[in-house]
Amino acid sequence: MNNELFEQLLYEDESTTLDFKKKQYLFAKATEEEKSELLKDILGFANAWRRSEAYILIGVKDVKGGRSNVIGIPATDHLDDHSLQQFVNNLTNQPVRFHYEAFGFEGKQVGIIRIDEQTRPIYLKKDYGKLAREKVYVRRGSSTDPTKPASLEEIAQMRLGSVQSVAELLVEFANIKQDEALGPSISWDVELCKMPEKETIPILSRPSQPYSFDPDPVQRVPNRNFFRELATFEFIRRLFRPIRIVVRNVGQVAANHVRVELTASRSTLVGVLYASEIPARPKRNTSHRSTVMKGIRSASRRNSLPDTFISPLATSS
């Protein structure tokens, strides 16, 4: 949103692409009945007959036939886009493409919900508040009447009108243990630890007892860099969080030769590591087979030992 577009919207009347709300929707700590009002409006715009993006301007008083008044809302009343995405898309048959934005205009705060054009119909998978499952709520004119959902004929026309010639891919973050979509954005708290100087981190001493002359023993040797490796492990563990990406085709045709590229801008101060780059938790000891003199025979084995030996770094436990 920019000032020019926002000013233009103020001179338009409420329609299938625009709605004005004086107060913020009830959401945090609200009842299902109260939150279903917000859900109804988003579904109504998503299913509306239109050819452009739709906007809900929150903190604006409608003026018929003139420029609507910007009255603003408290900055603390803004909705969290991530929470809103999860709330709506966990209830619908397919993801709804919309976005909440906090916008400043004339020194006042305004909430803006933008609803994209998308594949229809969109409906609830279960009853919620005053809304019924599998009913297609649609905005007609300047309002969405929950008692008058779309007819079967209208629903059929929605599906016909939404056929696309290309696939439409939706990329979202997902639960790391399953393919449950969390929306296009996520947030978490991390801890940036101050690493001690390398010279101040102690090392483990070597064992005082000599190695056994057993021809095939497994020796357990202290990992001298254990504390240094542990410091690095803790630094990365507290700073990075695992993520999972889910890509879904919400279009009407198959997607072929799909390639997804994720880019993290330096300006966002985001670092990305592959799972293979995350160090495993270090262990205090390493295990390896000891070197033995050529020709020594085991009492339990008749064959001579080979001339080569396994590196202490070959195996670990």
C-alpha atoms as a PDB file:
ATOM      1  CA  MET A   1       0.000   0.000   0.000  1.00  0.00           C
ATOM      2  CA  ASN A   2       1.116   3.552  -0.733  1.00  0.00           C
ATOM      3  CA  ASN A   3      -0.383   6.984  -0.052  1.00  0.00           C
ATOM      4  CA  GLU A   4      -1.571   7.466  -3.630  1.00  0.00           C
ATOM      5  CA  LEU A   5      -3.550   4.215  -3.745  1.00  0.00           C
ATOM      6  CA  PHE A   6      -4.897   4.714  -0.243  1.00  0.00           C
ATOM      7  CA  GLU A   7      -6.122   8.232  -1.112  1.00  0.00           C
ATOM      8  CA  GLN A   8      -7.819   6.855  -4.201  1.00  0.00           C
ATOM      9  CA  LEU A   9      -9.617   4.166  -2.174  1.00  0.00           C
ATOM     10  CA  LEU A  10     -10.978   6.812   0.208  1.00  0.00           C
ATOM     11  CA  TYR A  11     -12.984   8.328  -2.668  1.00  0.00           C
ATOM     12  CA  GLU A  12     -14.497   4.994  -3.728  1.00  0.00           C
ATOM     13  CA  ASP A  13     -17.743   3.491  -2.459  1.00  0.00           C
ATOM     14  CA  GLU A  14     -17.995   0.160  -0.683  1.00  0.00           C
ATOM     15  CA  SER A  15     -18.281  -2.684  -3.183  1.00  0.00           C
ATOM     16  CA  THR A  16     -17.095  -6.207  -3.967  1.00  0.00           C
ATOM     17  CA  THR A  17     -13.528  -4.839  -3.825  1.00  0.00           C
ATOM     18  CA  LEU A  18     -13.703  -2.402  -0.902  1.00  0.00           C
ATOM     19  CA  ASP A  19     -15.012  -2.206   2.651  1.00  0.00           C
ATOM     20  CA  PHE A  20     -14.525   0.348   5.447  1.00  0.00           C
ATOM     21  CA  LYS A  21     -14.435  -0.535   9.150  1.00  0.00           C
ATOM     22  CA  LYS A  22     -14.367   2.103  11.886  1.00  0.00           C
ATOM     23  CA  LYS A  23     -13.044  -0.312  14.530  1.00  0.00           C
ATOM     24  CA  GLN A  24     -10.654  -3.238  14.537  1.00  0.00           C
ATOM     25  CA  TYR A  25     -12.085  -6.746  14.374  1.00  0.00           C
ATOM     26  CA  LEU A  26     -12.254  -8.657  17.645  1.00  0.00           C
ATOM     27  CA  PHE A  27      -9.609 -11.364  17.447  1.00  0.00           C
ATOM     28  CA  ALA A  28      -7.229 -11.873  20.373  1.00  0.00           C
ATOM     29  CA  LYS A  29      -9.100 -13.524  23.274  1.00  0.00           C
ATOM     30  CA  ALA A  30     -12.349 -13.195  21.295  1.00  0.00           C
ATOM     31  CA  THR A  31     -15.050 -15.876  21.118  1.00  0.00           C
ATOM     32  CA  GLU A  32     -15.669 -17.987  18.018  1.00  0.00           C
ATOM     33  CA  GLU A  33     -18.831 -15.997  17.410  1.00  0.00           C
ATOM     34  CA  GLU A  34     -16.865 -12.732  17.445  1.00  0.00           C
ATOM     35  CA  LYS A  35     -13.980 -13.994  15.313  1.00  0.00           C
ATOM     36  CA  SER A  36     -16.383 -15.441  12.749  1.00  0.00           C
ATOM     37  CA  GLU A  37     -17.252 -11.858  11.701  1.00  0.00           C
ATOM     38  CA  LEU A  38     -13.689 -11.360  10.447  1.00  0.00           C
ATOM     39  CA  LEU A  39     -13.702 -14.818   8.870  1.00  0.00           C
ATOM     40  CA  LYS A  40     -16.988 -14.067   7.076  1.00  0.00           C
ATOM     41  CA  ASP A  41     -15.666 -10.873   5.507  1.00  0.00           C
ATOM     42  CA  ILE A  42     -12.448 -12.481   4.264  1.00  0.00           C
ATOM     43  CA  LEU A  43     -14.345 -15.422   2.755  1.00  0.00           C
ATOM     44  CA  GLY A  44     -16.916 -13.076   1.235  1.00  0.00           C
ATOM     45  CA  PHE A  45     -14.255 -11.062  -0.593  1.00  0.00           C
ATOM     46  CA  ALA A  46     -12.329 -14.205  -1.601  1.00  0.00           C
ATOM     47  CA  ASN A  47     -15.451 -15.613  -3.299  1.00  0.00           C
ATOM     48  CA  ALA A  48     -16.743 -12.304  -4.704  1.00  0.00           C
ATOM     49  CA  TRP A  49     -17.203 -11.643  -8.409  1.00  0.00           C
ATOM     50  CA  ARG A  50     -14.429  -9.164  -9.146  1.00  0.00           C
ATOM     51  CA  ARG A  51     -11.445  -8.521 -11.417  1.00  0.00           C
ATOM     52  CA  SER A  52      -9.008  -6.876  -9.025  1.00  0.00           C
ATOM     53  CA  GLU A  53      -7.652  -7.065  -5.496  1.00  0.00           C
ATOM     54  CA  ALA A  54     -10.056  -6.332  -2.655  1.00  0.00           C
ATOM     55  CA  TYR A  55      -9.314  -4.202   0.413  1.00  0.00           C
ATOM     56  CA  ILE A  56     -10.731  -3.893   3.903  1.00  0.00           C
ATOM     57  CA  LEU A  57      -9.635  -0.573   5.439  1.00  0.00           C
ATOM     58  CA  ILE A  58      -9.831  -0.640   9.240  1.00  0.00           C
ATOM     59  CA  GLY A  59      -9.937   2.697  11.038  1.00  0.00           C
ATOM     60  CA  VAL A  60     -11.869   4.455   8.262  1.00  0.00           C
ATOM     61  CA  LYS A  61     -15.448   5.777   8.485  1.00  0.00           C
ATOM     62  CA  ASP A  62     -17.474   5.394   5.318  1.00  0.00           C
ATOM     63  CA  VAL A  63     -18.894   8.570   3.740  1.00  0.00           C
ATOM     64  CA  LYS A  64     -21.425   7.920   0.985  1.00  0.00           C
ATOM     65  CA  GLY A  65     -20.700   9.949  -2.128  1.00  0.00           C
ATOM     66  CA  GLY A  66     -17.584  11.612  -0.679  1.00  0.00           C
ATOM     67  CA  ARG A  67     -14.136  11.085   0.757  1.00  0.00           C
ATOM     68  CA  SER A  68     -14.253   8.654   3.680  1.00  0.00           C
ATOM     69  CA  ASN A  69     -12.787   9.830   6.986  1.00  0.00           C
ATOM     70  CA  VAL A  70      -9.605   8.324   8.412  1.00  0.00           C
ATOM     71  CA  ILE A  71     -10.214   8.070  12.166  1.00  0.00           C
ATOM     72  CA  GLY A  72      -7.428   5.558  12.875  1.00  0.00           C
ATOM     73  CA  ILE A  73      -7.004   2.774  15.408  1.00  0.00           C
ATOM     74  CA  PRO A  74      -4.559   2.360  18.343  1.00  0.00           C
ATOM     75  CA  ALA A  75      -1.225   0.896  17.235  1.00  0.00           C
ATOM     76  CA  THR A  76      -1.701  -1.857  19.822  1.00  0.00           C
ATOM     77  CA  ASP A  77      -4.892  -2.988  18.040  1.00  0.00           C
ATOM     78  CA  HIS A  78      -3.119  -4.169  14.893  1.00  0.00           C
ATOM     79  CA  LEU A  79      -3.586  -7.832  14.050  1.00  0.00           C
ATOM     80  CA  ASP A  80      -0.637 -10.184  13.656  1.00  0.00           C
ATOM     81  CA  ASP A  81      -0.554 -11.383  10.041  1.00  0.00           C
ATOM     82  CA  HIS A  82       1.005 -14.734  10.952  1.00  0.00           C
ATOM     83  CA  SER A  83      -1.677 -15.524  13.553  1.00  0.00           C
ATOM     84  CA  LEU A  84      -4.391 -14.388  11.167  1.00  0.00           C
ATOM     85  CA  GLN A  85      -3.056 -16.596   8.365  1.00  0.00           C
ATOM     86  CA  GLN A  86      -3.009 -19.638  10.644  1.00  0.00           C
ATOM     87  CA  PHE A  87      -6.505 -18.928  11.949  1.00  0.00           C
ATOM     88  CA  VAL A  88      -8.122 -18.631   8.508  1.00  0.00           C
ATOM     89  CA  ASN A  89      -6.202 -21.293   6.594  1.00  0.00           C
ATOM     90  CA  ASN A  90      -6.637 -23.956   9.264  1.00  0.00           C
ATOM     91  CA  LEU A  91     -10.392 -23.699   8.733  1.00  0.00           C
ATOM     92  CA  THR A  92     -10.727 -23.452   4.952  1.00  0.00           C
ATOM     93  CA  ASN A  93     -10.722 -26.097   2.206  1.00  0.00           C
ATOM     94  CA  GLN A  94      -7.771 -24.374   0.544  1.00  0.00           C
ATOM     95  CA  PRO A  95      -5.415 -21.546   1.527  1.00  0.00           C
ATOM     96  CA  VAL A  96      -6.822 -18.039   1.209  1.00  0.00           C
ATOM     97  CA  ARG A  97      -4.356 -15.591  -0.294  1.00  0.00           C
ATOM     98  CA  PHE A  98      -4.603 -12.436   1.792  1.00  0.00           C
ATOM     99  CA  HIS A  99      -2.346 -10.173   3.856  1.00  0.00           C
ATOM    100  CA  TYR A 100      -2.724  -7.851   6.854  1.00  0.00           C
ATOM    101  CA  GLU A 101      -0.693  -4.642   6.846  1.00  0.00           C
ATOM    102  CA  ALA A 102      -0.272  -1.886   9.423  1.00  0.00           C
ATOM    103  CA  PHE A 103      -0.326   1.415   7.510  1.00  0.00           C
ATOM    104  CA  GLY A 104       0.334   4.970   8.637  1.00  0.00           C
ATOM    105  CA  PHE A 105      -1.623   7.810   6.995  1.00  0.00           C
ATOM    106  CA  GLU A 106      -1.906  11.448   8.076  1.00  0.00           C
ATOM    107  CA  GLY A 107      -0.350  10.575  11.437  1.00  0.00           C
ATOM    108  CA  LYS A 108      -2.914   7.850  12.126  1.00  0.00           C
ATOM    109  CA  GLN A 109      -2.695   4.062  12.135  1.00  0.00           C
ATOM    110  CA  VAL A 110      -4.869   2.084   9.736  1.00  0.00           C
ATOM    111  CA  GLY A 111      -5.207  -1.677   9.334  1.00  0.00           C
ATOM    112  CA  ILE A 112      -5.390  -2.982   5.767  1.00  0.00           C
ATOM    113  CA  ILE A 113      -6.476  -6.468   4.718  1.00  0.00           C
ATOM    114  CA  ARG A 114      -5.737  -7.160   1.052  1.00  0.00           C
ATOM    115  CA  ILE A 115      -7.450 -10.174  -0.521  1.00  0.00           C
ATOM    116  CA  ASP A 116      -6.024 -11.388  -3.839  1.00  0.00           C
ATOM    117  CA  GLU A 117      -7.936 -12.837  -6.747  1.00  0.00           C
ATOM    118  CA  GLN A 118      -7.829 -16.610  -6.403  1.00  0.00           C
ATOM    119  CA  THR A 119      -9.318 -19.965  -7.244  1.00  0.00           C
ATOM    120  CA  ARG A 120     -12.880 -20.292  -5.961  1.00  0.00           C
ATOM    121  CA  PRO A 121     -15.002 -21.483  -4.199  1.00  0.00           C
ATOM    122  CA  ILE A 122     -13.483 -21.301  -0.718  1.00  0.00           C
ATOM    123  CA  TYR A 123     -15.458 -22.617   2.242  1.00  0.00           C
ATOM    124  CA  LEU A 124     -15.062 -23.857   5.820  1.00  0.00           C
ATOM    125  CA  LYS A 125     -14.245 -27.478   6.561  1.00  0.00           C
ATOM    126  CA  LYS A 126     -16.183 -27.303   9.838  1.00  0.00           C
ATOM    127  CA  ASP A 127     -18.702 -25.070  11.582  1.00  0.00           C
ATOM    128  CA  TYR A 128     -17.206 -22.026  13.245  1.00  0.00           C
ATOM    129  CA  GLY A 129     -19.124 -19.427  15.229  1.00  0.00           C
ATOM    130  CA  LYS A 130     -22.074 -18.279  13.175  1.00  0.00           C
ATOM    131  CA  LEU A 131     -20.687 -19.780   9.969  1.00  0.00           C
ATOM    132  CA  ALA A 132     -21.546 -23.254   8.666  1.00  0.00           C
ATOM    133  CA  ARG A 133     -19.191 -25.731   7.029  1.00  0.00           C
ATOM    134  CA  GLU A 134     -19.281 -26.218   3.247  1.00  0.00           C
ATOM    135  CA  LYS A 135     -21.297 -23.032   2.730  1.00  0.00           C
ATOM    136  CA  VAL A 136     -19.817 -20.612   0.196  1.00  0.00           C
ATOM    137  CA  TYR A 137     -20.142 -17.096   1.579  1.00  0.00           C
ATOM    138  CA  VAL A 138     -19.866 -14.423  -1.075  1.00  0.00           C
ATOM    139  CA  ARG A 139     -19.871 -10.626  -0.964  1.00  0.00           C
ATOM    140  CA  ARG A 140     -22.567  -9.076  -3.116  1.00  0.00           C
ATOM    141  CA  GLY A 141     -22.435  -5.320  -3.515  1.00  0.00           C
ATOM    142  CA  SER A 142     -21.387  -3.739  -0.228  1.00  0.00           C
ATOM    143  CA  SER A 143     -22.026  -6.612   2.179  1.00  0.00           C
ATOM    144  CA  THR A 144     -21.732 -10.348   2.846  1.00  0.00           C
ATOM    145  CA  ASP A 145     -24.986 -11.849   4.111  1.00  0.00           C
ATOM    146  CA  PRO A 146     -24.263 -15.099   6.009  1.00  0.00           C
ATOM    147  CA  THR A 147     -27.907 -16.147   5.582  1.00  0.00           C
ATOM    148  CA  LYS A 148     -27.561 -16.075   1.784  1.00  0.00           C
ATOM    149  CA  PRO A 149     -24.598 -18.210   0.724  1.00  0.00           C
ATOM    150  CA  ALA A 150     -23.873 -18.882  -2.934  1.00  0.00           C
ATOM    151  CA  SER A 151     -26.269 -21.122  -4.825  1.00  0.00           C
ATOM    152  CA  LEU A 152     -25.182 -24.320  -6.597  1.00  0.00           C
ATOM    153  CA  GLU A 153     -25.352 -22.501  -9.926  1.00  0.00           C
ATOM    154  CA  GLU A 154     -23.147 -19.681  -8.622  1.00  0.00           C
ATOM    155  CA  ILE A 155     -20.649 -22.185  -7.228  1.00  0.00           C
ATOM    156  CA  ALA A 156     -20.490 -23.938 -10.601  1.00  0.00           C
ATOM    157  CA  GLN A 157     -19.810 -20.605 -12.314  1.00  0.00           C
ATOM    158  CA  MET A 158     -17.080 -19.812  -9.784  1.00  0.00           C
ATOM    159  CA  ARG A 159     -15.256 -23.009 -10.653  1.00  0.00           C
ATOM    160  CA  LEU A 160     -15.587 -22.389 -14.380  1.00  0.00           C
ATOM    161  CA  GLY A 161     -14.452 -18.819 -14.045  1.00  0.00           C
ATOM    162  CA  SER A 162     -11.382 -19.754 -12.050  1.00  0.00           C
ATOM    163  CA  VAL A 163      -9.841 -22.240 -14.509  1.00  0.00           C
ATOM    164  CA  GLN A 164      -6.265 -21.156 -15.113  1.00  0.00           C
ATOM    165  CA  SER A 165      -3.901 -21.901 -17.948  1.00  0.00           C
ATOM    166  CA  VAL A 166      -0.920 -22.180 -15.618  1.00  0.00           C
ATOM    167  CA  ALA A 167      -0.251 -23.857 -12.301  1.00  0.00           C
ATOM    168  CA  GLU A 168      -0.448 -21.739  -9.179  1.00  0.00           C
ATOM    169  CA  LEU A 169       2.087 -22.711  -6.538  1.00  0.00           C
ATOM    170  CA  LEU A 170       1.731 -21.731  -2.919  1.00  0.00           C
ATOM    171  CA  VAL A 171       4.924 -21.793  -0.850  1.00  0.00           C
ATOM    172  CA  GLU A 172       4.466 -21.806   2.917  1.00  0.00           C
ATOM    173  CA  PHE A 173       6.358 -22.667   6.061  1.00  0.00           C
ATOM    174  CA  ALA A 174       5.293 -25.927   7.689  1.00  0.00           C
ATOM    175  CA  ASN A 175       5.499 -27.809  10.954  1.00  0.00           C
ATOM    176  CA  ILE A 176       8.946 -29.434  11.044  1.00  0.00           C
ATOM    177  CA  LYS A 177       7.466 -32.830  11.977  1.00  0.00           C
ATOM    178  CA  GLN A 178       4.632 -32.915   9.447  1.00  0.00           C
ATOM    179  CA  ASP A 179       3.242 -31.159   6.382  1.00  0.00           C
ATOM    180  CA  GLU A 180       0.882 -28.903   8.343  1.00  0.00           C
ATOM    181  CA  ALA A 181       1.133 -25.460   6.722  1.00  0.00           C
ATOM    182  CA  LEU A 182       1.813 -22.502   9.029  1.00  0.00           C
ATOM    183  CA  GLY A 183       1.445 -19.696   6.489  1.00  0.00           C
ATOM    184  CA  PRO A 184       3.861 -17.580   4.436  1.00  0.00           C
ATOM    185  CA  SER A 185       5.664 -16.175   7.493  1.00  0.00           C
ATOM    186  CA  ILE A 186       6.889 -17.471  10.837  1.00  0.00           C
ATOM    187  CA  SER A 187       8.592 -15.955  13.857  1.00  0.00           C
ATOM    188  CA  TRP A 188      10.582 -17.225  16.826  1.00  0.00           C
ATOM    189  CA  ASP A 189      12.913 -16.093  19.586  1.00  0.00           C
ATOM    190  CA  VAL A 190      16.619 -16.909  19.419  1.00  0.00           C
ATOM    191  CA  GLU A 191      19.591 -16.335  21.710  1.00  0.00           C
ATOM    192  CA  LEU A 192      22.843 -14.802  20.480  1.00  0.00           C
ATOM    193  CA  CYS A 193      25.554 -16.107  22.801  1.00  0.00           C
ATOM    194  CA  LYS A 194      28.962 -14.530  23.255  1.00  0.00           C
ATOM    195  CA  MET A 195      31.611 -17.112  22.481  1.00  0.00           C
ATOM    196  CA  PRO A 196      34.576 -17.291  24.895  1.00  0.00           C
ATOM    197  CA  GLU A 197      38.104 -16.900  23.575  1.00  0.00           C
ATOM    198  CA  LYS A 198      39.405 -20.160  22.200  1.00  0.00           C
ATOM    199  CA  GLU A 199      42.450 -20.037  24.458  1.00  0.00           C
ATOM    200  CA  THR A 200      40.262 -19.863  27.575  1.00  0.00           C
ATOM    201  CA  ILE A 201      38.397 -23.102  26.802  1.00  0.00           C
ATOM    202  CA  PRO A 202      40.061 -26.090  28.519  1.00  0.00           C
ATOM    203  CA  ILE A 203      41.018 -29.276  26.712  1.00  0.00           C
ATOM    204  CA  LEU A 204      40.658 -32.828  27.965  1.00  0.00           C
ATOM    205  CA  SER A 205      43.892 -34.526  28.977  1.00  0.00           C
ATOM    206  CA  ARG A 206      45.030 -37.811  27.512  1.00  0.00           C
ATOM    207  CA  PRO A 207      44.726 -41.015  29.588  1.00  0.00           C
ATOM    208  CA  SER A 208      47.718 -41.903  31.755  1.00  0.00           C
ATOM    209  CA  GLN A 209      47.405 -45.690  31.317  1.00  0.00           C
ATOM    210  CA  PRO A 210      49.207 -47.281  28.332  1.00  0.00           C
ATOM    211  CA  TYR A 211      47.320 -48.869  25.484  1.00  0.00           C
ATOM    212  CA  SER A 212      46.635 -52.600  25.679  1.00  0.00           C
ATOM    213  CA  PHE A 213      48.594 -54.945  23.457  1.00  0.00           C
ATOM    214  CA  ASP A 214      45.470 -56.916  22.668  1.00  0.00           C
ATOM    215  CA  PRO A 215      45.786 -57.402  18.878  1.00  0.00           C
ATOM    216  CA  ASP A 216      42.263 -56.143  18.169  1.00  0.00           C
ATOM    217  CA  PRO A 217      41.128 -53.867  21.011  1.00  0.00           C
ATOM    218  CA  VAL A 218      38.776 -50.871  20.813  1.00  0.00           C
ATOM    219  CA  GLN A 219      40.392 -47.946  22.580  1.00  0.00           C
ATOM    220  CA  ARG A 220      38.361 -45.079  24.080  1.00  0.00           C
ATOM    221  CA  VAL A 221      40.347 -41.865  23.848  1.00  0.00           C
ATOM    222  CA  PRO A 222      39.206 -38.530  25.317  1.00  0.00           C
ATOM    223  CA  ASN A 223      38.088 -35.992  22.746  1.00  0.00           C
ATOM    224  CA  ARG A 224      40.567 -33.237  23.635  1.00  0.00           C
ATOM    225  CA  ASN A 225      38.481 -30.573  21.838  1.00  0.00           C
ATOM    226  CA  PHE A 226      35.240 -31.613  23.555  1.00  0.00           C
ATOM    227  CA  PHE A 227      34.618 -28.298  25.352  1.00  0.00           C
ATOM    228  CA  ARG A 228      35.449 -26.236  22.261  1.00  0.00           C
ATOM    229  CA  GLU A 229      33.128 -28.335  20.133  1.00  0.00           C
ATOM    230  CA  LEU A 230      30.438 -28.083  22.815  1.00  0.00           C
ATOM    231  CA  ALA A 231      30.692 -24.285  22.851  1.00  0.00           C
ATOM    232  CA  THR A 232      30.264 -24.175  19.060  1.00  0.00           C
ATOM    233  CA  PHE A 233      27.367 -26.622  19.231  1.00  0.00           C
ATOM    234  CA  GLU A 234      25.529 -24.550  21.867  1.00  0.00           C
ATOM    235  CA  PHE A 235      26.154 -21.318  19.964  1.00  0.00           C
ATOM    236  CA  ILE A 236      24.528 -22.686  16.790  1.00  0.00           C
ATOM    237  CA  ARG A 237      21.755 -24.552  18.617  1.00  0.00           C
ATOM    238  CA  ARG A 238      20.566 -21.399  20.359  1.00  0.00           C
ATOM    239  CA  LEU A 239      20.917 -19.124  17.338  1.00  0.00           C
ATOM    240  CA  PHE A 240      19.319 -21.263  14.601  1.00  0.00           C
ATOM    241  CA  ARG A 241      15.910 -22.907  14.397  1.00  0.00           C
ATOM    242  CA  PRO A 242      14.838 -25.703  12.018  1.00  0.00           C
ATOM    243  CA  ILE A 243      12.294 -24.856   9.336  1.00  0.00           C
ATOM    244  CA  ARG A 244      10.343 -26.837   6.764  1.00  0.00           C
ATOM    245  CA  ILE A 245       8.873 -25.623   3.499  1.00  0.00           C
ATOM    246  CA  VAL A 246       5.742 -27.036   1.885  1.00  0.00           C
ATOM    247  CA  VAL A 247       4.840 -26.278  -1.752  1.00  0.00           C
ATOM    248  CA  ARG A 248       1.294 -26.882  -2.937  1.00  0.00           C
ATOM    249  CA  ASN A 249      -0.336 -26.478  -6.304  1.00  0.00           C
ATOM    250  CA  VAL A 250      -3.631 -24.623  -5.793  1.00  0.00           C
ATOM    251  CA  GLY A 251      -4.169 -24.073  -9.527  1.00  0.00           C
ATOM    252  CA  GLN A 252      -6.251 -26.141 -11.897  1.00  0.00           C
ATOM    253  CA  VAL A 253      -3.495 -27.625 -14.051  1.00  0.00           C
ATOM    254  CA  ALA A 254      -0.527 -29.834 -13.244  1.00  0.00           C
ATOM    255  CA  ALA A 255       2.811 -28.266 -12.358  1.00  0.00           C
ATOM    256  CA  ASN A 256       5.757 -29.625 -14.347  1.00  0.00           C
ATOM    257  CA  HIS A 257       9.506 -29.088 -13.918  1.00  0.00           C
ATOM    258  CA  VAL A 258       9.078 -27.159 -10.671  1.00  0.00           C
ATOM    259  CA  ARG A 259      12.138 -25.557  -9.117  1.00  0.00           C
ATOM    260  CA  VAL A 260      11.930 -23.628  -5.863  1.00  0.00           C
ATOM    261  CA  GLU A 261      14.703 -21.188  -4.934  1.00  0.00           C
ATOM    262  CA  LEU A 262      14.830 -19.547  -1.509  1.00  0.00           C
ATOM    263  CA  THR A 263      16.834 -16.356  -1.124  1.00  0.00           C
ATOM    264  CA  ALA A 264      17.707 -14.650   2.147  1.00  0.00           C
ATOM    265  CA  SER A 265      18.613 -10.993   1.751  1.00  0.00           C
ATOM    266  CA  ARG A 266      21.576  -9.715   3.760  1.00  0.00           C
ATOM    267  CA  SER A 267      19.464  -6.765   4.859  1.00  0.00           C
ATOM    268  CA  THR A 268      17.141  -9.119   6.761  1.00  0.00           C
ATOM    269  CA  LEU A 269      20.019 -10.349   8.969  1.00  0.00           C
ATOM    270  CA  VAL A 270      18.941 -13.933   8.328  1.00  0.00           C
ATOM    271  CA  GLY A 271      21.494 -16.732   8.114  1.00  0.00           C
ATOM    272  CA  VAL A 272      20.661 -20.061   6.480  1.00  0.00           C
ATOM    273  CA  LEU A 273      22.376 -23.381   7.097  1.00  0.00           C
ATOM    274  CA  TYR A 274      21.717 -26.821   5.626  1.00  0.00           C
ATOM    275  CA  ALA A 275      20.988 -29.574   8.115  1.00  0.00           C
ATOM    276  CA  SER A 276      24.287 -31.183   7.132  1.00  0.00           C
ATOM    277  CA  GLU A 277      26.104 -28.034   8.302  1.00  0.00           C
ATOM    278  CA  ILE A 278      24.689 -28.214  11.827  1.00  0.00           C
ATOM    279  CA  PRO A 279      27.228 -29.938  14.093  1.00  0.00           C
ATOM    280  CA  ALA A 280      26.135 -32.957  16.099  1.00  0.00           C
ATOM    281  CA  ARG A 281      26.376 -32.822  19.872  1.00  0.00           C
ATOM    282  CA  PRO A 282      30.038 -33.635  20.661  1.00  0.00           C
ATOM    283  CA  LYS A 283      31.065 -36.619  22.762  1.00  0.00           C
ATOM    284  CA  ARG A 284      33.737 -36.755  25.415  1.00  0.00           C
ATOM    285  CA  ASN A 285      35.389 -39.850  23.988  1.00  0.00           C
ATOM    286  CA  THR A 286      36.231 -41.249  20.576  1.00  0.00           C
ATOM    287  CA  SER A 287      36.632 -44.932  19.820  1.00  0.00           C
ATOM    288  CA  HIS A 288      39.205 -46.416  17.503  1.00  0.00           C
ATOM    289  CA  ARG A 289      41.163 -49.586  17.023  1.00  0.00           C
ATOM    290  CA  SER A 290      44.693 -49.345  18.332  1.00  0.00           C
ATOM    291  CA  THR A 291      47.774 -49.787  16.176  1.00  0.00           C
ATOM    292  CA  VAL A 292      49.614 -53.057  16.777  1.00  0.00           C
ATOM    293  CA  MET A 293      52.935 -54.484  15.784  1.00  0.00           C
ATOM    294  CA  LYS A 294      52.981 -56.526  12.630  1.00  0.00           C
ATOM    295  CA  GLY A 295      53.081 -60.289  13.229  1.00  0.00           C
ATOM    296  CA  ILE A 296      51.425 -60.331  16.672  1.00  0.00           C
ATOM    297  CA  ARG A 297      48.808 -63.119  16.747  1.00  0.00           C
ATOM    298  CA  SER A 298      45.627 -63.221  18.769  1.00  0.00           C
ATOM    299  CA  ALA A 299      45.100 -66.200  21.023  1.00  0.00           C
ATOM    300  CA  SER A 300      41.590 -66.538  19.634  1.00  0.00           C
ATOM    301  CA  ARG A 301      42.550 -66.052  15.957  1.00  0.00           C
ATOM    302  CA  ARG A 302      45.028 -68.023  13.838  1.00  0.00           C
ATOM    303  CA  ASN A 303      45.549 -65.482  11.039  1.00  0.00           C
ATOM    304  CA  SER A 304      48.096 -62.682  11.273  1.00  0.00           C
ATOM    305  CA  LEU A 305      46.863 -59.113  11.553  1.00  0.00           C
ATOM    306  CA  PRO A 306      47.110 -57.015   8.381  1.00  0.00           C
ATOM    307  CA  ASP A 307      49.931 -54.558   7.790  1.00  0.00           C
ATOM    308  CA  THR A 308      47.544 -51.557   7.854  1.00  0.00           C
ATOM    309  CA  PHE A 309      45.540 -50.003  10.717  1.00  0.00           C
ATOM    310  CA  ILE A 310      42.361 -47.953  11.045  1.00  0.00           C
ATOM    311  CA  SER A 311      42.678 -44.219  11.726  1.00  0.00           C
ATOM    312  CA  PRO A 312      41.481 -43.084  15.157  1.00  0.00           C
ATOM    313  CA  LEU A 313      39.142 -40.660  13.337  1.00  0.00           C
ATOM    314  CA  ALA A 314      37.468 -43.389  11.332  1.00  0.00           C
ATOM    315  CA  THR A 315      34.793 -44.215  13.894  1.00  0.00           C
ATOM    316  CA  SER A 316      33.272 -42.436  16.848  1.00  0.00           C
ATOM    317  CA  SER A 317      30.834 -43.184  19.625  1.00  0.00           C
END
